[in-house]
PDB file of N, CA and C in Angstrom:
ATOM      1  N   MET A   1     -44.231 224.642  73.919  1.00  0.00           N
ATOM      2  CA  MET A   1     -43.923 223.192  73.702  1.00  0.00           C
ATOM      3  C   MET A   1     -42.088 223.104  74.405  1.00  0.00           C
ATOM      4  N   THR A   2     -42.424 222.053  74.335  1.00  0.00           N
ATOM      5  CA  THR A   2     -40.915 221.534  75.220  1.00  0.00           C
ATOM      6  C   THR A   2     -40.088 220.711  73.530  1.00  0.00           C
ATOM      7  N   ASN A   3     -38.739 220.959  73.773  1.00  0.00           N
ATOM      8  CA  ASN A   3     -37.858 220.269  72.342  1.00  0.00           C
ATOM      9  C   ASN A   3     -37.489 218.793  73.716  1.00  0.00           C
ATOM     10  N   TYR A   4     -37.879 217.563  72.710  1.00  0.00           N
ATOM     11  CA  TYR A   4     -37.353 215.925  73.473  1.00  0.00           C
ATOM     12  C   TYR A   4     -36.833 215.857  72.226  1.00  0.00           C
ATOM     13  N   GLU A   5     -36.299 213.672  72.481  1.00  0.00           N
ATOM     14  CA  GLU A   5     -35.713 213.092  72.419  1.00  0.00           C
ATOM     15  C   GLU A   5     -36.003 212.050  73.075  1.00  0.00           C
ATOM     16  N   ILE A   6     -36.076 211.326  71.425  1.00  0.00           N
ATOM     17  CA  ILE A   6     -36.753 209.515  71.726  1.00  0.00           C
ATOM     18  C   ILE A   6     -35.847 209.013  71.059  1.00  0.00           C
ATOM     19  N   MET A   7     -35.441 208.558  71.085  1.00  0.00           N
ATOM     20  CA  MET A   7     -34.269 207.112  70.557  1.00  0.00           C
ATOM     21  C   MET A   7     -35.287 205.703  70.472  1.00  0.00           C
ATOM     22  N   TYR A   8     -35.465 205.141  69.642  1.00  0.00           N
ATOM     23  CA  TYR A   8     -36.456 203.819  69.637  1.00  0.00           C
ATOM     24  C   TYR A   8     -35.160 202.306  69.169  1.00  0.00           C
ATOM     25  N   ILE A   9     -35.025 201.707  69.223  1.00  0.00           N
ATOM     26  CA  ILE A   9     -34.537 200.614  68.558  1.00  0.00           C
ATOM     27  C   ILE A   9     -35.827 198.849  67.608  1.00  0.00           C
ATOM     28  N   ILE A  10     -35.834 199.111  66.566  1.00  0.00           N
ATOM     29  CA  ILE A  10     -36.277 198.142  66.226  1.00  0.00           C
ATOM     30  C   ILE A  10     -35.238 197.371  66.266  1.00  0.00           C
ATOM     31  N   ASN A  11     -36.213 196.152  66.066  1.00  0.00           N
ATOM     32  CA  ASN A  11     -36.141 194.698  65.997  1.00  0.00           C
ATOM     33  C   ASN A  11     -35.659 194.135  64.891  1.00  0.00           C
ATOM     34  N   PRO A  12     -33.979 193.314  65.114  1.00  0.00           N
ATOM     35  CA  PRO A  12     -32.977 193.356  63.210  1.00  0.00           C
ATOM     36  C   PRO A  12     -33.871 192.031  62.703  1.00  0.00           C
ATOM     37  N   THR A  13     -35.182 191.183  63.422  1.00  0.00           N
ATOM     38  CA  THR A  13     -35.873 190.972  61.968  1.00  0.00           C
ATOM     39  C   THR A  13     -36.671 191.737  60.796  1.00  0.00           C
ATOM     40  N   VAL A  14     -36.441 192.613  61.285  1.00  0.00           N
ATOM     41  CA  VAL A  14     -37.344 193.558  60.472  1.00  0.00           C
ATOM     42  C   VAL A  14     -36.467 193.633  59.033  1.00  0.00           C
ATOM     43  N   MET A  15     -37.023 193.385  57.964  1.00  0.00           N
ATOM     44  CA  MET A  15     -35.790 193.852  56.750  1.00  0.00           C
ATOM     45  C   MET A  15     -36.169 195.415  56.466  1.00  0.00           C
ATOM     46  N   GLU A  16     -34.792 195.152  55.824  1.00  0.00           N
ATOM     47  CA  GLU A  16     -34.839 196.795  55.432  1.00  0.00           C
ATOM     48  C   GLU A  16     -35.372 197.664  55.057  1.00  0.00           C
ATOM     49  N   ASP A  17     -35.978 197.532  54.357  1.00  0.00           N
ATOM     50  CA  ASP A  17     -37.488 197.991  53.304  1.00  0.00           C
ATOM     51  C   ASP A  17     -38.384 198.410  54.145  1.00  0.00           C
ATOM     52  N   ALA A  18     -38.390 197.290  55.492  1.00  0.00           N
ATOM     53  CA  ALA A  18     -40.096 197.731  56.088  1.00  0.00           C
ATOM     54  C   ALA A  18     -39.815 198.771  57.155  1.00  0.00           C
ATOM     55  N   ARG A  19     -38.197 198.768  57.787  1.00  0.00           N
ATOM     56  CA  ARG A  19     -37.636 199.661  58.108  1.00  0.00           C
ATOM     57  C   ARG A  19     -38.683 200.969  57.983  1.00  0.00           C
ATOM     58  N   GLY A  20     -38.311 201.572  57.268  1.00  0.00           N
ATOM     59  CA  GLY A  20     -39.069 203.022  56.363  1.00  0.00           C
ATOM     60  C   GLY A  20     -40.888 202.882  57.153  1.00  0.00           C
ATOM     61  N   ALA A  21     -40.794 201.452  56.982  1.00  0.00           N
ATOM     62  CA  ALA A  21     -42.725 202.018  57.069  1.00  0.00           C
ATOM     63  C   ALA A  21     -43.281 202.077  59.085  1.00  0.00           C
ATOM     64  N   ILE A  22     -42.381 201.549  59.811  1.00  0.00           N
ATOM     65  CA  ILE A  22     -42.015 202.132  60.820  1.00  0.00           C
ATOM     66  C   ILE A  22     -41.575 202.713  61.739  1.00  0.00           C
ATOM     67  N   ILE A  23     -40.213 203.313  61.057  1.00  0.00           N
ATOM     68  CA  ILE A  23     -39.791 204.767  60.942  1.00  0.00           C
ATOM     69  C   ILE A  23     -41.104 206.129  61.158  1.00  0.00           C
ATOM     70  N   GLU A  24     -42.070 205.240  59.781  1.00  0.00           N
ATOM     71  CA  GLU A  24     -42.856 206.174  59.633  1.00  0.00           C
ATOM     72  C   GLU A  24     -43.753 206.176  60.414  1.00  0.00           C
ATOM     73  N   LYS A  25     -44.716 204.924  61.376  1.00  0.00           N
ATOM     74  CA  LYS A  25     -45.126 205.142  61.920  1.00  0.00           C
ATOM     75  C   LYS A  25     -45.501 205.975  63.038  1.00  0.00           C
ATOM     76  N   VAL A  26     -43.986 205.882  63.625  1.00  0.00           N
ATOM     77  CA  VAL A  26     -43.537 206.450  64.798  1.00  0.00           C
ATOM     78  C   VAL A  26     -44.654 207.975  64.815  1.00  0.00           C
ATOM     79  N   GLU A  27     -43.447 208.090  63.592  1.00  0.00           N
ATOM     80  CA  GLU A  27     -43.630 210.069  62.757  1.00  0.00           C
ATOM     81  C   GLU A  27     -45.127 210.868  63.638  1.00  0.00           C
ATOM     82  N   ALA A  28     -46.366 209.091  63.357  1.00  0.00           N
ATOM     83  CA  ALA A  28     -47.544 209.955  62.837  1.00  0.00           C
ATOM     84  C   ALA A  28     -47.759 209.478  64.032  1.00  0.00           C
ATOM     85  N   ILE A  29     -47.107 208.205  65.120  1.00  0.00           N
ATOM     86  CA  ILE A  29     -47.767 208.279  66.101  1.00  0.00           C
ATOM     87  C   ILE A  29     -47.498 209.988  67.470  1.00  0.00           C
ATOM     88  N   LEU A  30     -45.949 210.079  66.587  1.00  0.00           N
ATOM     89  CA  LEU A  30     -45.465 211.956  67.372  1.00  0.00           C
ATOM     90  C   LEU A  30     -46.568 212.828  66.741  1.00  0.00           C
ATOM     91  N   THR A  31     -46.626 213.066  65.366  1.00  0.00           N
ATOM     92  CA  THR A  31     -48.025 214.054  64.997  1.00  0.00           C
ATOM     93  C   THR A  31     -48.856 213.657  65.323  1.00  0.00           C
ATOM     94  N   ALA A  32     -49.592 212.958  65.573  1.00  0.00           N
ATOM     95  CA  ALA A  32     -51.080 212.005  66.946  1.00  0.00           C
ATOM     96  C   ALA A  32     -51.062 213.499  67.684  1.00  0.00           C
ATOM     97  N   ALA A  33     -49.736 212.931  68.604  1.00  0.00           N
ATOM     98  CA  ALA A  33     -49.549 213.630  69.671  1.00  0.00           C
ATOM     99  C   ALA A  33     -49.533 215.191  69.471  1.00  0.00           C
ATOM    100  N   THR A  34     -48.961 215.923  68.321  1.00  0.00           N
ATOM    101  CA  THR A  34     -49.518 216.935  68.509  1.00  0.00           C
ATOM    102  C   THR A  34     -47.672 217.776  68.212  1.00  0.00           C
ATOM    103  N   ALA A  35     -47.122 216.684  68.614  1.00  0.00           N
ATOM    104  CA  ALA A  35     -46.054 216.150  68.164  1.00  0.00           C
ATOM    105  C   ALA A  35     -45.531 217.867  66.506  1.00  0.00           C
ATOM    106  N   THR A  36     -44.372 218.746  67.098  1.00  0.00           N
ATOM    107  CA  THR A  36     -44.246 219.387  65.487  1.00  0.00           C
ATOM    108  C   THR A  36     -42.190 218.924  65.455  1.00  0.00           C
ATOM    109  N   GLU A  37     -42.115 219.807  64.037  1.00  0.00           N
ATOM    110  CA  GLU A  37     -40.663 219.512  63.751  1.00  0.00           C
ATOM    111  C   GLU A  37     -39.947 217.817  64.267  1.00  0.00           C
ATOM    112  N   LEU A  38     -40.510 217.235  63.361  1.00  0.00           N
ATOM    113  CA  LEU A  38     -39.734 216.128  63.389  1.00  0.00           C
ATOM    114  C   LEU A  38     -38.407 216.097  63.013  1.00  0.00           C
ATOM    115  N   LYS A  39     -37.155 215.547  62.823  1.00  0.00           N
ATOM    116  CA  LYS A  39     -36.270 215.249  63.009  1.00  0.00           C
ATOM    117  C   LYS A  39     -35.459 213.934  62.393  1.00  0.00           C
ATOM    118  N   THR A  40     -36.270 212.837  61.884  1.00  0.00           N
ATOM    119  CA  THR A  40     -34.994 211.385  62.539  1.00  0.00           C
ATOM    120  C   THR A  40     -33.975 211.221  61.969  1.00  0.00           C
ATOM    121  N   THR A  41     -33.427 210.591  62.609  1.00  0.00           N
ATOM    122  CA  THR A  41     -32.096 210.224  62.011  1.00  0.00           C
ATOM    123  C   THR A  41     -31.589 208.530  62.499  1.00  0.00           C
ATOM    124  N   LYS A  42     -31.353 207.857  61.379  1.00  0.00           N
ATOM    125  CA  LYS A  42     -31.159 206.992  60.527  1.00  0.00           C
ATOM    126  C   LYS A  42     -29.609 206.050  61.239  1.00  0.00           C
ATOM    127  N   MET A  43     -29.584 205.666  63.127  1.00  0.00           N
ATOM    128  CA  MET A  43     -28.285 205.049  63.036  1.00  0.00           C
ATOM    129  C   MET A  43     -27.634 203.905  62.680  1.00  0.00           C
ATOM    130  N   GLY A  44     -28.488 203.463  62.326  1.00  0.00           N
ATOM    131  CA  GLY A  44     -27.478 201.864  62.138  1.00  0.00           C
ATOM    132  C   GLY A  44     -28.397 200.590  63.017  1.00  0.00           C
ATOM    133  N   GLU A  45     -27.538 199.492  62.216  1.00  0.00           N
ATOM    134  CA  GLU A  45     -27.712 198.589  63.402  1.00  0.00           C
ATOM    135  C   GLU A  45     -26.447 198.622  63.722  1.00  0.00           C
ATOM    136  N   ARG A  46     -26.204 198.833  65.356  1.00  0.00           N
ATOM    137  CA  ARG A  46     -25.459 197.947  66.271  1.00  0.00           C
ATOM    138  C   ARG A  46     -26.048 197.002  67.683  1.00  0.00           C
ATOM    139  N   LYS A  47     -24.880 196.669  67.907  1.00  0.00           N
ATOM    140  CA  LYS A  47     -24.568 195.680  69.046  1.00  0.00           C
ATOM    141  C   LYS A  47     -25.314 196.424  70.307  1.00  0.00           C
ATOM    142  N   LEU A  48     -26.393 195.248  70.710  1.00  0.00           N
ATOM    143  CA  LEU A  48     -27.023 195.406  71.836  1.00  0.00           C
ATOM    144  C   LEU A  48     -26.235 195.679  72.848  1.00  0.00           C
ATOM    145  N   ALA A  49     -26.149 196.233  74.384  1.00  0.00           N
ATOM    146  CA  ALA A  49     -25.266 196.398  75.554  1.00  0.00           C
ATOM    147  C   ALA A  49     -25.249 195.057  75.946  1.00  0.00           C
ATOM    148  N   TYR A  50     -26.805 194.219  76.149  1.00  0.00           N
ATOM    149  CA  TYR A  50     -27.365 193.225  76.953  1.00  0.00           C
ATOM    150  C   TYR A  50     -28.780 192.403  75.457  1.00  0.00           C
ATOM    151  N   PRO A  51     -28.643 191.172  75.744  1.00  0.00           N
ATOM    152  CA  PRO A  51     -29.610 191.120  74.204  1.00  0.00           C
ATOM    153  C   PRO A  51     -31.250 191.359  74.738  1.00  0.00           C
ATOM    154  N   ILE A  52     -31.593 191.653  74.192  1.00  0.00           N
ATOM    155  CA  ILE A  52     -33.045 191.948  74.136  1.00  0.00           C
ATOM    156  C   ILE A  52     -34.277 190.431  73.620  1.00  0.00           C
ATOM    157  N   GLU A  53     -35.091 190.373  73.438  1.00  0.00           N
ATOM    158  CA  GLU A  53     -35.614 189.081  72.933  1.00  0.00           C
ATOM    159  C   GLU A  53     -34.510 188.132  72.221  1.00  0.00           C
ATOM    160  N   LYS A  54     -32.731 187.564  72.771  1.00  0.00           N
ATOM    161  CA  LYS A  54     -32.977 187.051  72.631  1.00  0.00           C
ATOM    162  C   LYS A  54     -32.327 187.655  71.906  1.00  0.00           C
ATOM    163  N   LYS A  55     -31.920 188.903  71.196  1.00  0.00           N
ATOM    164  CA  LYS A  55     -31.338 189.608  69.512  1.00  0.00           C
ATOM    165  C   LYS A  55     -30.024 189.929  70.689  1.00  0.00           C
ATOM    166  N   GLY A  56     -29.291 189.613  69.616  1.00  0.00           N
ATOM    167  CA  GLY A  56     -27.822 190.709  70.532  1.00  0.00           C
ATOM    168  C   GLY A  56     -27.640 191.564  68.979  1.00  0.00           C
ATOM    169  N   THR A  57     -28.806 192.809  68.046  1.00  0.00           N
ATOM    170  CA  THR A  57     -28.215 193.521  67.496  1.00  0.00           C
ATOM    171  C   THR A  57     -29.694 193.794  67.357  1.00  0.00           C
ATOM    172  N   GLY A  58     -29.430 195.374  66.902  1.00  0.00           N
ATOM    173  CA  GLY A  58     -30.684 196.396  66.749  1.00  0.00           C
ATOM    174  C   GLY A  58     -30.756 197.481  65.805  1.00  0.00           C
ATOM    175  N   PHE A  59     -31.568 198.246  65.315  1.00  0.00           N
ATOM    176  CA  PHE A  59     -31.225 199.109  64.670  1.00  0.00           C
ATOM    177  C   PHE A  59     -31.883 200.784  64.565  1.00  0.00           C
ATOM    178  N   TYR A  60     -31.094 200.619  65.275  1.00  0.00           N
ATOM    179  CA  TYR A  60     -31.644 202.477  65.953  1.00  0.00           C
ATOM    180  C   TYR A  60     -31.905 203.981  65.402  1.00  0.00           C
ATOM    181  N   VAL A  61     -32.737 204.492  65.804  1.00  0.00           N
ATOM    182  CA  VAL A  61     -33.099 205.725  65.273  1.00  0.00           C
ATOM    183  C   VAL A  61     -33.401 206.158  66.317  1.00  0.00           C
ATOM    184  N   LEU A  62     -32.824 208.114  66.375  1.00  0.00           N
ATOM    185  CA  LEU A  62     -33.219 209.081  67.103  1.00  0.00           C
ATOM    186  C   LEU A  62     -33.685 209.715  66.353  1.00  0.00           C
ATOM    187  N   THR A  63     -35.082 210.538  66.821  1.00  0.00           N
ATOM    188  CA  THR A  63     -35.824 211.792  66.417  1.00  0.00           C
ATOM    189  C   THR A  63     -35.960 212.913  67.611  1.00  0.00           C
ATOM    190  N   THR A  64     -36.252 213.979  66.754  1.00  0.00           N
ATOM    191  CA  THR A  64     -35.745 214.848  67.513  1.00  0.00           C
ATOM    192  C   THR A  64     -37.653 215.529  67.725  1.00  0.00           C
ATOM    193  N   PHE A  65     -37.685 216.330  68.301  1.00  0.00           N
ATOM    194  CA  PHE A  65     -39.601 216.895  67.777  1.00  0.00           C
ATOM    195  C   PHE A  65     -39.511 217.790  69.745  1.00  0.00           C
ATOM    196  N   LYS A  66     -41.257 218.234  68.884  1.00  0.00           N
ATOM    197  CA  LYS A  66     -41.465 219.587  69.572  1.00  0.00           C
ATOM    198  C   LYS A  66     -42.580 219.043  70.615  1.00  0.00           C
ATOM    199  N   ALA A  67     -43.302 218.587  71.857  1.00  0.00           N
ATOM    200  CA  ALA A  67     -44.512 218.734  72.228  1.00  0.00           C
ATOM    201  C   ALA A  67     -44.436 219.386  73.211  1.00  0.00           C
ATOM    202  N   GLU A  68     -46.134 218.874  73.631  1.00  0.00           N
ATOM    203  CA  GLU A  68     -46.321 219.046  74.850  1.00  0.00           C
ATOM    204  C   GLU A  68     -45.957 218.194  75.713  1.00  0.00           C
ATOM    205  N   GLY A  69     -45.578 218.536  77.381  1.00  0.00           N
ATOM    206  CA  GLY A  69     -45.748 217.119  78.313  1.00  0.00           C
ATOM    207  C   GLY A  69     -47.148 216.522  77.863  1.00  0.00           C
ATOM    208  N   GLN A  70     -47.599 216.859  78.099  1.00  0.00           N
ATOM    209  CA  GLN A  70     -49.055 216.324  78.830  1.00  0.00           C
ATOM    210  C   GLN A  70     -49.402 215.308  77.918  1.00  0.00           C
ATOM    211  N   ASN A  71     -48.952 214.749  76.360  1.00  0.00           N
ATOM    212  CA  ASN A  71     -49.083 213.958  75.645  1.00  0.00           C
ATOM    213  C   ASN A  71     -48.229 212.806  75.380  1.00  0.00           C
ATOM    214  N   LEU A  72     -46.858 213.112  75.616  1.00  0.00           N
ATOM    215  CA  LEU A  72     -46.485 211.603  76.153  1.00  0.00           C
ATOM    216  C   LEU A  72     -46.456 210.579  76.131  1.00  0.00           C
ATOM    217  N   GLN A  73     -47.532 210.231  77.624  1.00  0.00           N
ATOM    218  CA  GLN A  73     -48.472 209.334  78.122  1.00  0.00           C
ATOM    219  C   GLN A  73     -48.949 208.382  77.000  1.00  0.00           C
ATOM    220  N   ALA A  74     -49.860 209.228  75.437  1.00  0.00           N
ATOM    221  CA  ALA A  74     -49.994 208.379  74.802  1.00  0.00           C
ATOM    222  C   ALA A  74     -49.552 208.001  73.592  1.00  0.00           C
ATOM    223  N   VAL A  75     -48.273 208.394  73.701  1.00  0.00           N
ATOM    224  CA  VAL A  75     -47.014 208.403  72.685  1.00  0.00           C
ATOM    225  C   VAL A  75     -46.341 206.803  73.312  1.00  0.00           C
ATOM    226  N   GLU A  76     -46.018 207.296  74.321  1.00  0.00           N
ATOM    227  CA  GLU A  76     -45.705 206.057  75.009  1.00  0.00           C
ATOM    228  C   GLU A  76     -46.717 204.843  75.020  1.00  0.00           C
ATOM    229  N   ASN A  77     -47.971 204.938  75.260  1.00  0.00           N
ATOM    230  CA  ASN A  77     -48.517 203.889  75.456  1.00  0.00           C
ATOM    231  C   ASN A  77     -48.698 203.266  73.877  1.00  0.00           C
ATOM    232  N   LYS A  78     -48.750 203.634  72.511  1.00  0.00           N
ATOM    233  CA  LYS A  78     -48.787 203.193  71.483  1.00  0.00           C
ATOM    234  C   LYS A  78     -47.624 202.826  71.073  1.00  0.00           C
ATOM    235  N   LEU A  79     -46.956 203.317  72.231  1.00  0.00           N
ATOM    236  CA  LEU A  79     -44.932 202.874  71.351  1.00  0.00           C
ATOM    237  C   LEU A  79     -44.500 201.758  72.225  1.00  0.00           C
ATOM    238  N   ASN A  80     -45.812 201.180  73.203  1.00  0.00           N
ATOM    239  CA  ASN A  80     -45.951 200.041  74.040  1.00  0.00           C
ATOM    240  C   ASN A  80     -46.291 198.506  73.163  1.00  0.00           C
ATOM    241  N   ILE A  81     -46.721 199.077  72.376  1.00  0.00           N
ATOM    242  CA  ILE A  81     -47.790 198.268  71.595  1.00  0.00           C
ATOM    243  C   ILE A  81     -47.307 197.932  70.275  1.00  0.00           C
ATOM    244  N   THR A  82     -46.559 198.055  70.360  1.00  0.00           N
ATOM    245  CA  THR A  82     -45.881 198.708  68.856  1.00  0.00           C
ATOM    246  C   THR A  82     -44.229 197.174  68.653  1.00  0.00           C
ATOM    247  N   GLU A  83     -45.003 196.385  68.408  1.00  0.00           N
ATOM    248  CA  GLU A  83     -43.961 194.797  68.494  1.00  0.00           C
ATOM    249  C   GLU A  83     -42.846 195.038  67.420  1.00  0.00           C
ATOM    250  N   GLU A  84     -43.110 196.178  66.579  1.00  0.00           N
ATOM    251  CA  GLU A  84     -41.210 195.969  66.230  1.00  0.00           C
ATOM    252  C   GLU A  84     -40.444 196.450  66.410  1.00  0.00           C
ATOM    253  N   VAL A  85     -40.779 197.459  67.599  1.00  0.00           N
ATOM    254  CA  VAL A  85     -39.955 198.437  68.741  1.00  0.00           C
ATOM    255  C   VAL A  85     -39.848 197.462  69.606  1.00  0.00           C
ATOM    256  N   MET A  86     -38.131 197.293  69.742  1.00  0.00           N
ATOM    257  CA  MET A  86     -37.962 196.781  71.444  1.00  0.00           C
ATOM    258  C   MET A  86     -37.690 197.695  72.244  1.00  0.00           C
ATOM    259  N   ARG A  87     -37.132 198.110  72.532  1.00  0.00           N
ATOM    260  CA  ARG A  87     -37.207 199.432  73.560  1.00  0.00           C
ATOM    261  C   ARG A  87     -36.853 200.934  72.773  1.00  0.00           C
ATOM    262  N   TYR A  88     -37.288 201.822  73.526  1.00  0.00           N
ATOM    263  CA  TYR A  88     -36.965 203.204  73.320  1.00  0.00           C
ATOM    264  C   TYR A  88     -36.805 204.498  74.148  1.00  0.00           C
ATOM    265  N   ILE A  89     -36.933 205.279  74.655  1.00  0.00           N
ATOM    266  CA  ILE A  89     -36.658 206.466  75.843  1.00  0.00           C
ATOM    267  C   ILE A  89     -37.372 207.453  74.829  1.00  0.00           C
ATOM    268  N   ILE A  90     -37.822 208.501  76.418  1.00  0.00           N
ATOM    269  CA  ILE A  90     -38.073 209.997  75.631  1.00  0.00           C
ATOM    270  C   ILE A  90     -37.012 211.000  76.463  1.00  0.00           C
ATOM    271  N   THR A  91     -36.224 211.596  76.832  1.00  0.00           N
ATOM    272  CA  THR A  91     -35.821 212.164  76.969  1.00  0.00           C
ATOM    273  C   THR A  91     -36.179 214.228  76.709  1.00  0.00           C
ATOM    274  N   LYS A  92     -35.830 214.898  78.170  1.00  0.00           N
ATOM    275  CA  LYS A  92     -36.101 216.173  77.561  1.00  0.00           C
ATOM    276  C   LYS A  92     -34.804 216.750  77.456  1.00  0.00           C
ATOM    277  N   ASN A  93     -34.779 217.439  76.042  1.00  0.00           N
ATOM    278  CA  ASN A  93     -33.771 218.341  75.209  1.00  0.00           C
ATOM    279  C   ASN A  93     -33.391 219.194  75.888  1.00  0.00           C
TER     280      ASN A  93
END
């Protein structure tokens, strides 16, 4: 298993109490892809470098996990159809 990090940006129009549900949804996607040792850090709302979907800010979340590389494609496919996640990047740690 390899160490990975995923940083994703939640749409700022999502209310604060609903952000927890989205974070749990992303963690469930990772767990379904056999990811282990999830550690999530909420980085807060920050200004974006450039507007995304006409929004100037976004709520940043960083999650570290261990997974097999071939399972990441399934994670990316599910994140692409998750409307609340504006952008994400998965990097090998």
